[in-house]
Amino acid sequence: MVFNKLMSEAEIVVRHLEVLKAVMEKQPIGIFKLSDMLNMPKHRVRYSLRVLEQSGIIVPTQYGAMVRDEGYDKIEQLKTQVEKIKGLVAQIEELVKNL
């Protein structure tokens, strides 16, 4: 189906955001604690942490993951991007409705 890849990517983004939210609430926090807290396999938590680190949002420390000072600006950018995505989804919805 046309939307399979989009749905798969959206599910991964949701996972990354769940990990980010947990880090923000419990920082510093490690992989094992996040895995237990989110009921998520450690390898998925590790991958999400790596993506968030590469995005400049979090930083690993000896005590666990923490949000970087600059990470909060990046989180605000995410909110702007979500608004753009919502517009695209509305366009898709309208196009599909008219098929």
PDB file of N, CA and C in Angstrom:
ATOM      1  N   MET A   1       0.842  -1.189   0.000  1.00  0.00           N
ATOM      2  CA  MET A   1       0.000   0.000   0.000  1.00  0.00           C
ATOM      3  C   MET A   1       0.883   1.247   0.000  1.00  0.00           C
ATOM      4  N   VAL A   2       0.343   2.307  -0.472  1.00  0.00           N
ATOM      5  CA  VAL A   2       1.064   3.557  -0.646  1.00  0.00           C
ATOM      6  C   VAL A   2       1.567   4.130   0.689  1.00  0.00           C
ATOM      7  N   PHE A   3       0.820   3.924   1.761  1.00  0.00           N
ATOM      8  CA  PHE A   3       1.138   4.572   3.033  1.00  0.00           C
ATOM      9  C   PHE A   3       1.938   3.703   4.005  1.00  0.00           C
ATOM     10  N   ASN A   4       2.322   2.487   3.623  1.00  0.00           N
ATOM     11  CA  ASN A   4       3.009   1.589   4.563  1.00  0.00           C
ATOM     12  C   ASN A   4       4.297   2.190   5.121  1.00  0.00           C
ATOM     13  N   LYS A   5       5.126   2.747   4.260  1.00  0.00           N
ATOM     14  CA  LYS A   5       6.396   3.318   4.716  1.00  0.00           C
ATOM     15  C   LYS A   5       6.148   4.535   5.611  1.00  0.00           C
ATOM     16  N   LEU A   6       5.200   5.366   5.229  1.00  0.00           N
ATOM     17  CA  LEU A   6       4.858   6.536   6.027  1.00  0.00           C
ATOM     18  C   LEU A   6       4.372   6.127   7.419  1.00  0.00           C
ATOM     19  N   MET A   7       3.520   5.110   7.486  1.00  0.00           N
ATOM     20  CA  MET A   7       3.018   4.633   8.774  1.00  0.00           C
ATOM     21  C   MET A   7       4.147   4.059   9.619  1.00  0.00           C
ATOM     22  N   SER A   8       5.026   3.310   9.004  1.00  0.00           N
ATOM     23  CA  SER A   8       6.156   2.723   9.716  1.00  0.00           C
ATOM     24  C   SER A   8       7.057   3.810  10.295  1.00  0.00           C
ATOM     25  N   GLU A   9       7.370   4.811   9.498  1.00  0.00           N
ATOM     26  CA  GLU A   9       8.207   5.915   9.961  1.00  0.00           C
ATOM     27  C   GLU A   9       7.512   6.702  11.070  1.00  0.00           C
ATOM     28  N   ALA A  10       6.214   6.903  10.951  1.00  0.00           N
ATOM     29  CA  ALA A  10       5.467   7.635  11.976  1.00  0.00           C
ATOM     30  C   ALA A  10       5.502   6.876  13.305  1.00  0.00           C
ATOM     31  N   GLU A  11       5.404   5.563  13.256  1.00  0.00           N
ATOM     32  CA  GLU A  11       5.473   4.751  14.476  1.00  0.00           C
ATOM     33  C   GLU A  11       6.844   4.878  15.137  1.00  0.00           C
ATOM     34  N   ILE A  12       7.897   4.953  14.338  1.00  0.00           N
ATOM     35  CA  ILE A  12       9.245   5.121  14.882  1.00  0.00           C
ATOM     36  C   ILE A  12       9.383   6.501  15.525  1.00  0.00           C
ATOM     37  N   VAL A  13       8.842   7.519  14.885  1.00  0.00           N
ATOM     38  CA  VAL A  13       8.886   8.872  15.440  1.00  0.00           C
ATOM     39  C   VAL A  13       8.148   8.906  16.777  1.00  0.00           C
ATOM     40  N   VAL A  14       7.009   8.248  16.859  1.00  0.00           N
ATOM     41  CA  VAL A  14       6.262   8.189  18.119  1.00  0.00           C
ATOM     42  C   VAL A  14       7.142   7.576  19.206  1.00  0.00           C
ATOM     43  N   ARG A  15       7.852   6.506  18.865  1.00  0.00           N
ATOM     44  CA  ARG A  15       8.741   5.867  19.843  1.00  0.00           C
ATOM     45  C   ARG A  15       9.840   6.822  20.291  1.00  0.00           C
ATOM     46  N   HIS A  16      10.460   7.517  19.349  1.00  0.00           N
ATOM     47  CA  HIS A  16      11.503   8.484  19.698  1.00  0.00           C
ATOM     48  C   HIS A  16      10.952   9.552  20.648  1.00  0.00           C
ATOM     49  N   LEU A  17       9.751  10.031  20.373  1.00  0.00           N
ATOM     50  CA  LEU A  17       9.158  11.072  21.200  1.00  0.00           C
ATOM     51  C   LEU A  17       8.786  10.558  22.589  1.00  0.00           C
ATOM     52  N   GLU A  18       8.348   9.294  22.671  1.00  0.00           N
ATOM     53  CA  GLU A  18       8.067   8.700  23.977  1.00  0.00           C
ATOM     54  C   GLU A  18       9.348   8.617  24.806  1.00  0.00           C
ATOM     55  N   VAL A  19      10.443   8.222  24.163  1.00  0.00           N
ATOM     56  CA  VAL A  19      11.729   8.153  24.854  1.00  0.00           C
ATOM     57  C   VAL A  19      12.153   9.559  25.285  1.00  0.00           C
ATOM     58  N   LEU A  20      12.033  10.530  24.403  1.00  0.00           N
ATOM     59  CA  LEU A  20      12.399  11.906  24.730  1.00  0.00           C
ATOM     60  C   LEU A  20      11.590  12.433  25.913  1.00  0.00           C
ATOM     61  N   LYS A  21      10.298  12.191  25.907  1.00  0.00           N
ATOM     62  CA  LYS A  21       9.439  12.643  27.002  1.00  0.00           C
ATOM     63  C   LYS A  21       9.892  12.032  28.323  1.00  0.00           C
ATOM     64  N   ALA A  22      10.202  10.743  28.311  1.00  0.00           N
ATOM     65  CA  ALA A  22      10.663  10.070  29.530  1.00  0.00           C
ATOM     66  C   ALA A  22      11.994  10.647  30.003  1.00  0.00           C
ATOM     67  N   VAL A  23      12.897  10.917  29.063  1.00  0.00           N
ATOM     68  CA  VAL A  23      14.190  11.513  29.432  1.00  0.00           C
ATOM     69  C   VAL A  23      13.955  12.880  30.063  1.00  0.00           C
ATOM     70  N   MET A  24      13.080  13.682  29.464  1.00  0.00           N
ATOM     71  CA  MET A  24      12.804  15.017  29.996  1.00  0.00           C
ATOM     72  C   MET A  24      12.249  14.944  31.420  1.00  0.00           C
ATOM     73  N   GLU A  25      11.407  13.958  31.672  1.00  0.00           N
ATOM     74  CA  GLU A  25      10.758  13.840  32.977  1.00  0.00           C
ATOM     75  C   GLU A  25      11.658  13.230  34.041  1.00  0.00           C
ATOM     76  N   LYS A  26      12.567  12.316  33.664  1.00  0.00           N
ATOM     77  CA  LYS A  26      13.331  11.540  34.647  1.00  0.00           C
ATOM     78  C   LYS A  26      14.842  11.720  34.562  1.00  0.00           C
ATOM     79  N   GLN A  27      15.310  12.665  33.778  1.00  0.00           N
ATOM     80  CA  GLN A  27      16.748  12.809  33.546  1.00  0.00           C
ATOM     81  C   GLN A  27      17.537  13.045  34.822  1.00  0.00           C
ATOM     82  N   PRO A  28      18.742  12.542  34.867  1.00  0.00           N
ATOM     83  CA  PRO A  28      19.364  11.617  33.918  1.00  0.00           C
ATOM     84  C   PRO A  28      18.792  10.212  34.082  1.00  0.00           C
ATOM     85  N   ILE A  29      18.688   9.512  32.961  1.00  0.00           N
ATOM     86  CA  ILE A  29      18.099   8.174  32.985  1.00  0.00           C
ATOM     87  C   ILE A  29      18.803   7.284  31.964  1.00  0.00           C
ATOM     88  N   GLY A  30      19.004   6.033  32.341  1.00  0.00           N
ATOM     89  CA  GLY A  30      19.710   5.082  31.496  1.00  0.00           C
ATOM     90  C   GLY A  30      18.783   4.192  30.687  1.00  0.00           C
ATOM     91  N   ILE A  31      19.388   3.408  29.837  1.00  0.00           N
ATOM     92  CA  ILE A  31      18.658   2.531  28.914  1.00  0.00           C
ATOM     93  C   ILE A  31      17.806   1.516  29.665  1.00  0.00           C
ATOM     94  N   PHE A  32      18.351   0.878  30.673  1.00  0.00           N
ATOM     95  CA  PHE A  32      17.618  -0.169  31.382  1.00  0.00           C
ATOM     96  C   PHE A  32      16.368   0.386  32.051  1.00  0.00           C
ATOM     97  N   LYS A  33      16.516   1.526  32.708  1.00  0.00           N
ATOM     98  CA  LYS A  33      15.380   2.153  33.379  1.00  0.00           C
ATOM     99  C   LYS A  33      14.331   2.605  32.353  1.00  0.00           C
ATOM    100  N   LEU A  34      14.778   3.196  31.258  1.00  0.00           N
ATOM    101  CA  LEU A  34      13.847   3.611  30.198  1.00  0.00           C
ATOM    102  C   LEU A  34      13.105   2.408  29.627  1.00  0.00           C
ATOM    103  N   SER A  35      13.835   1.337  29.388  1.00  0.00           N
ATOM    104  CA  SER A  35      13.244   0.123  28.843  1.00  0.00           C
ATOM    105  C   SER A  35      12.137  -0.402  29.754  1.00  0.00           C
ATOM    106  N   ASP A  36      12.419  -0.463  31.040  1.00  0.00           N
ATOM    107  CA  ASP A  36      11.412  -0.928  32.002  1.00  0.00           C
ATOM    108  C   ASP A  36      10.232   0.035  32.078  1.00  0.00           C
ATOM    109  N   MET A  37      10.537   1.304  32.167  1.00  0.00           N
ATOM    110  CA  MET A  37       9.515   2.333  32.318  1.00  0.00           C
ATOM    111  C   MET A  37       8.551   2.378  31.125  1.00  0.00           C
ATOM    112  N   LEU A  38       9.113   2.242  29.921  1.00  0.00           N
ATOM    113  CA  LEU A  38       8.319   2.353  28.693  1.00  0.00           C
ATOM    114  C   LEU A  38       7.841   1.004  28.172  1.00  0.00           C
ATOM    115  N   ASN A  39       8.262  -0.074  28.854  1.00  0.00           N
ATOM    116  CA  ASN A  39       7.919  -1.422  28.403  1.00  0.00           C
ATOM    117  C   ASN A  39       8.325  -1.618  26.935  1.00  0.00           C
ATOM    118  N   MET A  40       9.568  -1.278  26.675  1.00  0.00           N
ATOM    119  CA  MET A  40      10.116  -1.268  25.325  1.00  0.00           C
ATOM    120  C   MET A  40      11.443  -2.030  25.341  1.00  0.00           C
ATOM    121  N   PRO A  41      11.730  -2.815  24.305  1.00  0.00           N
ATOM    122  CA  PRO A  41      13.012  -3.537  24.266  1.00  0.00           C
ATOM    123  C   PRO A  41      14.202  -2.573  24.316  1.00  0.00           C
ATOM    124  N   LYS A  42      15.259  -3.006  24.975  1.00  0.00           N
ATOM    125  CA  LYS A  42      16.450  -2.158  25.154  1.00  0.00           C
ATOM    126  C   LYS A  42      17.046  -1.707  23.827  1.00  0.00           C
ATOM    127  N   HIS A  43      17.035  -2.591  22.821  1.00  0.00           N
ATOM    128  CA  HIS A  43      17.636  -2.209  21.538  1.00  0.00           C
ATOM    129  C   HIS A  43      16.857  -1.074  20.873  1.00  0.00           C
ATOM    130  N   ARG A  44      15.561  -1.025  21.091  1.00  0.00           N
ATOM    131  CA  ARG A  44      14.769   0.077  20.524  1.00  0.00           C
ATOM    132  C   ARG A  44      15.016   1.375  21.279  1.00  0.00           C
ATOM    133  N   VAL A  45      15.120   1.273  22.597  1.00  0.00           N
ATOM    134  CA  VAL A  45      15.436   2.461  23.401  1.00  0.00           C
ATOM    135  C   VAL A  45      16.799   2.997  22.998  1.00  0.00           C
ATOM    136  N   ARG A  46      17.765   2.090  22.856  1.00  0.00           N
ATOM    137  CA  ARG A  46      19.133   2.486  22.483  1.00  0.00           C
ATOM    138  C   ARG A  46      19.125   3.211  21.136  1.00  0.00           C
ATOM    139  N   TYR A  47      18.378   2.674  20.179  1.00  0.00           N
ATOM    140  CA  TYR A  47      18.302   3.309  18.859  1.00  0.00           C
ATOM    141  C   TYR A  47      17.674   4.698  18.950  1.00  0.00           C
ATOM    142  N   SER A  48      16.582   4.819  19.709  1.00  0.00           N
ATOM    143  CA  SER A  48      15.927   6.119  19.859  1.00  0.00           C
ATOM    144  C   SER A  48      16.862   7.122  20.528  1.00  0.00           C
ATOM    145  N   LEU A  49      17.587   6.675  21.542  1.00  0.00           N
ATOM    146  CA  LEU A  49      18.551   7.566  22.206  1.00  0.00           C
ATOM    147  C   LEU A  49      19.630   8.017  21.231  1.00  0.00           C
ATOM    148  N   ARG A  50      20.089   7.100  20.385  1.00  0.00           N
ATOM    149  CA  ARG A  50      21.120   7.452  19.405  1.00  0.00           C
ATOM    150  C   ARG A  50      20.590   8.500  18.420  1.00  0.00           C
ATOM    151  N   VAL A  51      19.361   8.318  17.950  1.00  0.00           N
ATOM    152  CA  VAL A  51      18.756   9.276  17.021  1.00  0.00           C
ATOM    153  C   VAL A  51      18.604  10.642  17.690  1.00  0.00           C
ATOM    154  N   LEU A  52      18.140  10.651  18.923  1.00  0.00           N
ATOM    155  CA  LEU A  52      17.965  11.910  19.646  1.00  0.00           C
ATOM    156  C   LEU A  52      19.305  12.585  19.910  1.00  0.00           C
ATOM    157  N   GLU A  53      20.329  11.783  20.182  1.00  0.00           N
ATOM    158  CA  GLU A  53      21.670  12.344  20.379  1.00  0.00           C
ATOM    159  C   GLU A  53      22.201  12.938  19.077  1.00  0.00           C
ATOM    160  N   GLN A  54      22.055  12.207  17.976  1.00  0.00           N
ATOM    161  CA  GLN A  54      22.540  12.696  16.684  1.00  0.00           C
ATOM    162  C   GLN A  54      21.770  13.935  16.231  1.00  0.00           C
ATOM    163  N   SER A  55      20.548  14.087  16.726  1.00  0.00           N
ATOM    164  CA  SER A  55      19.745  15.269  16.399  1.00  0.00           C
ATOM    165  C   SER A  55      20.108  16.468  17.268  1.00  0.00           C
ATOM    166  N   GLY A  56      20.998  16.258  18.238  1.00  0.00           N
ATOM    167  CA  GLY A  56      21.432  17.345  19.103  1.00  0.00           C
ATOM    168  C   GLY A  56      20.470  17.671  20.226  1.00  0.00           C
ATOM    169  N   ILE A  57      19.554  16.744  20.525  1.00  0.00           N
ATOM    170  CA  ILE A  57      18.547  17.006  21.547  1.00  0.00           C
ATOM    171  C   ILE A  57      19.000  16.517  22.921  1.00  0.00           C
ATOM    172  N   ILE A  58      19.609  15.338  22.954  1.00  0.00           N
ATOM    173  CA  ILE A  58      20.058  14.800  24.237  1.00  0.00           C
ATOM    174  C   ILE A  58      21.564  14.584  24.214  1.00  0.00           C
ATOM    175  N   VAL A  59      22.094  14.335  25.401  1.00  0.00           N
ATOM    176  CA  VAL A  59      23.513  14.048  25.538  1.00  0.00           C
ATOM    177  C   VAL A  59      23.646  12.887  26.525  1.00  0.00           C
ATOM    178  N   PRO A  60      24.517  11.922  26.220  1.00  0.00           N
ATOM    179  CA  PRO A  60      24.747  10.850  27.194  1.00  0.00           C
ATOM    180  C   PRO A  60      25.694  11.346  28.288  1.00  0.00           C
ATOM    181  N   THR A  61      25.432  10.962  29.507  1.00  0.00           N
ATOM    182  CA  THR A  61      26.330  11.275  30.615  1.00  0.00           C
ATOM    183  C   THR A  61      26.606   9.977  31.357  1.00  0.00           C
ATOM    184  N   GLN A  62      27.501  10.024  32.316  1.00  0.00           N
ATOM    185  CA  GLN A  62      27.802   8.816  33.081  1.00  0.00           C
ATOM    186  C   GLN A  62      26.611   8.387  33.929  1.00  0.00           C
ATOM    187  N   TYR A  63      25.657   9.287  34.144  1.00  0.00           N
ATOM    188  CA  TYR A  63      24.475   8.979  34.943  1.00  0.00           C
ATOM    189  C   TYR A  63      23.268   8.590  34.100  1.00  0.00           C
ATOM    190  N   GLY A  64      23.357   8.815  32.798  1.00  0.00           N
ATOM    191  CA  GLY A  64      22.252   8.522  31.889  1.00  0.00           C
ATOM    192  C   GLY A  64      22.020   9.675  30.935  1.00  0.00           C
ATOM    193  N   ALA A  65      21.016   9.515  30.092  1.00  0.00           N
ATOM    194  CA  ALA A  65      20.707  10.532  29.084  1.00  0.00           C
ATOM    195  C   ALA A  65      20.080  11.761  29.719  1.00  0.00           C
ATOM    196  N   MET A  66      20.466  12.922  29.168  1.00  0.00           N
ATOM    197  CA  MET A  66      19.905  14.199  29.608  1.00  0.00           C
ATOM    198  C   MET A  66      19.645  15.077  28.384  1.00  0.00           C
ATOM    199  N   VAL A  67      18.680  15.968  28.512  1.00  0.00           N
ATOM    200  CA  VAL A  67      18.418  16.924  27.430  1.00  0.00           C
ATOM    201  C   VAL A  67      19.509  17.984  27.464  1.00  0.00           C
ATOM    202  N   ARG A  68      20.086  18.255  26.296  1.00  0.00           N
ATOM    203  CA  ARG A  68      21.094  19.317  26.188  1.00  0.00           C
ATOM    204  C   ARG A  68      20.416  20.668  26.365  1.00  0.00           C
ATOM    205  N   ASP A  69      21.166  21.651  26.777  1.00  0.00           N
ATOM    206  CA  ASP A  69      20.606  23.001  26.892  1.00  0.00           C
ATOM    207  C   ASP A  69      20.027  23.443  25.549  1.00  0.00           C
ATOM    208  N   GLU A  70      20.759  23.145  24.465  1.00  0.00           N
ATOM    209  CA  GLU A  70      20.304  23.510  23.114  1.00  0.00           C
ATOM    210  C   GLU A  70      19.159  22.617  22.647  1.00  0.00           C
ATOM    211  N   GLY A  71      18.979  21.516  23.333  1.00  0.00           N
ATOM    212  CA  GLY A  71      17.937  20.564  22.939  1.00  0.00           C
ATOM    213  C   GLY A  71      16.543  21.148  23.034  1.00  0.00           C
ATOM    214  N   TYR A  72      16.341  22.052  23.967  1.00  0.00           N
ATOM    215  CA  TYR A  72      15.011  22.646  24.125  1.00  0.00           C
ATOM    216  C   TYR A  72      14.634  23.500  22.912  1.00  0.00           C
ATOM    217  N   ASP A  73      15.625  24.151  22.298  1.00  0.00           N
ATOM    218  CA  ASP A  73      15.357  24.891  21.059  1.00  0.00           C
ATOM    219  C   ASP A  73      14.976  23.928  19.943  1.00  0.00           C
ATOM    220  N   LYS A  74      15.654  22.803  19.900  1.00  0.00           N
ATOM    221  CA  LYS A  74      15.349  21.803  18.871  1.00  0.00           C
ATOM    222  C   LYS A  74      13.956  21.217  19.072  1.00  0.00           C
ATOM    223  N   ILE A  75      13.543  21.083  20.324  1.00  0.00           N
ATOM    224  CA  ILE A  75      12.196  20.591  20.611  1.00  0.00           C
ATOM    225  C   ILE A  75      11.162  21.586  20.097  1.00  0.00           C
ATOM    226  N   GLU A  76      11.431  22.869  20.241  1.00  0.00           N
ATOM    227  CA  GLU A  76      10.524  23.889  19.702  1.00  0.00           C
ATOM    228  C   GLU A  76      10.452  23.790  18.169  1.00  0.00           C
ATOM    229  N   GLN A  77      11.581  23.491  17.544  1.00  0.00           N
ATOM    230  CA  GLN A  77      11.596  23.301  16.092  1.00  0.00           C
ATOM    231  C   GLN A  77      10.738  22.098  15.699  1.00  0.00           C
ATOM    232  N   LEU A  78      10.766  21.048  16.531  1.00  0.00           N
ATOM    233  CA  LEU A  78       9.924  19.876  16.265  1.00  0.00           C
ATOM    234  C   LEU A  78       8.453  20.270  16.248  1.00  0.00           C
ATOM    235  N   LYS A  79       8.074  21.131  17.164  1.00  0.00           N
ATOM    236  CA  LYS A  79       6.679  21.572  17.229  1.00  0.00           C
ATOM    237  C   LYS A  79       6.270  22.298  15.955  1.00  0.00           C
ATOM    238  N   THR A  80       7.166  23.104  15.412  1.00  0.00           N
ATOM    239  CA  THR A  80       6.904  23.796  14.145  1.00  0.00           C
ATOM    240  C   THR A  80       6.766  22.795  13.006  1.00  0.00           C
ATOM    241  N   GLN A  81       7.646  21.797  13.000  1.00  0.00           N
ATOM    242  CA  GLN A  81       7.586  20.776  11.958  1.00  0.00           C
ATOM    243  C   GLN A  81       6.286  19.983  12.023  1.00  0.00           C
ATOM    244  N   VAL A  82       5.795  19.725  13.228  1.00  0.00           N
ATOM    245  CA  VAL A  82       4.532  18.996  13.375  1.00  0.00           C
ATOM    246  C   VAL A  82       3.398  19.779  12.726  1.00  0.00           C
ATOM    247  N   GLU A  83       3.411  21.084  12.875  1.00  0.00           N
ATOM    248  CA  GLU A  83       2.366  21.904  12.255  1.00  0.00           C
ATOM    249  C   GLU A  83       2.410  21.775  10.732  1.00  0.00           C
ATOM    250  N   LYS A  84       3.603  21.748  10.163  1.00  0.00           N
ATOM    251  CA  LYS A  84       3.739  21.579   8.711  1.00  0.00           C
ATOM    252  C   LYS A  84       3.247  20.201   8.282  1.00  0.00           C
ATOM    253  N   ILE A  85       3.569  19.198   9.075  1.00  0.00           N
ATOM    254  CA  ILE A  85       3.135  17.834   8.767  1.00  0.00           C
ATOM    255  C   ILE A  85       1.618  17.739   8.820  1.00  0.00           C
ATOM    256  N   LYS A  86       1.010  18.401   9.798  1.00  0.00           N
ATOM    257  CA  LYS A  86      -0.446  18.387   9.894  1.00  0.00           C
ATOM    258  C   LYS A  86      -1.077  18.977   8.630  1.00  0.00           C
ATOM    259  N   GLY A  87      -0.460  19.999   8.083  1.00  0.00           N
ATOM    260  CA  GLY A  87      -0.959  20.578   6.839  1.00  0.00           C
ATOM    261  C   GLY A  87      -0.870  19.602   5.679  1.00  0.00           C
ATOM    262  N   LEU A  88       0.239  18.886   5.611  1.00  0.00           N
ATOM    263  CA  LEU A  88       0.393  17.882   4.550  1.00  0.00           C
ATOM    264  C   LEU A  88      -0.620  16.749   4.710  1.00  0.00           C
ATOM    265  N   VAL A  89      -0.852  16.325   5.944  1.00  0.00           N
ATOM    266  CA  VAL A  89      -1.828  15.261   6.189  1.00  0.00           C
ATOM    267  C   VAL A  89      -3.223  15.729   5.788  1.00  0.00           C
ATOM    268  N   ALA A  90      -3.526  16.975   6.050  1.00  0.00           N
ATOM    269  CA  ALA A  90      -4.827  17.518   5.645  1.00  0.00           C
ATOM    270  C   ALA A  90      -4.961  17.496   4.119  1.00  0.00           C
ATOM    271  N   GLN A  91      -3.877  17.822   3.424  1.00  0.00           N
ATOM    272  CA  GLN A  91      -3.896  17.762   1.955  1.00  0.00           C
ATOM    273  C   GLN A  91      -4.106  16.330   1.479  1.00  0.00           C
ATOM    274  N   ILE A  92      -3.398  15.406   2.083  1.00  0.00           N
ATOM    275  CA  ILE A  92      -3.539  13.989   1.714  1.00  0.00           C
ATOM    276  C   ILE A  92      -4.974  13.540   1.951  1.00  0.00           C
ATOM    277  N   GLU A  93      -5.511  13.896   3.107  1.00  0.00           N
ATOM    278  CA  GLU A  93      -6.873  13.509   3.439  1.00  0.00           C
ATOM    279  C   GLU A  93      -7.874  14.041   2.409  1.00  0.00           C
ATOM    280  N   GLU A  94      -7.697  15.279   2.017  1.00  0.00           N
ATOM    281  CA  GLU A  94      -8.589  15.876   1.020  1.00  0.00           C
ATOM    282  C   GLU A  94      -8.465  15.177  -0.333  1.00  0.00           C
ATOM    283  N   LEU A  95      -7.240  14.899  -0.727  1.00  0.00           N
ATOM    284  CA  LEU A  95      -7.021  14.208  -2.008  1.00  0.00           C
ATOM    285  C   LEU A  95      -7.626  12.806  -2.003  1.00  0.00           C
ATOM    286  N   VAL A  96      -7.429  12.080  -0.921  1.00  0.00           N
ATOM    287  CA  VAL A  96      -7.965  10.719  -0.831  1.00  0.00           C
ATOM    288  C   VAL A  96      -9.483  10.757  -0.829  1.00  0.00           C
ATOM    289  N   LYS A  97     -10.042  11.723  -0.133  1.00  0.00           N
ATOM    290  CA  LYS A  97     -11.498  11.851  -0.070  1.00  0.00           C
ATOM    291  C   LYS A  97     -12.091  12.055  -1.462  1.00  0.00           C
ATOM    292  N   ASN A  98     -11.355  12.741  -2.319  1.00  0.00           N
ATOM    293  CA  ASN A  98     -11.853  13.063  -3.652  1.00  0.00           C
ATOM    294  C   ASN A  98     -11.487  12.032  -4.716  1.00  0.00           C
ATOM    295  N   LEU A  99     -10.960  10.912  -4.311  1.00  0.00           N
ATOM    296  CA  LEU A  99     -10.622   9.859  -5.287  1.00  0.00           C
ATOM    297  C   LEU A  99     -11.865   9.118  -5.740  1.00  0.00           C
TER     298      LEU A  99
END
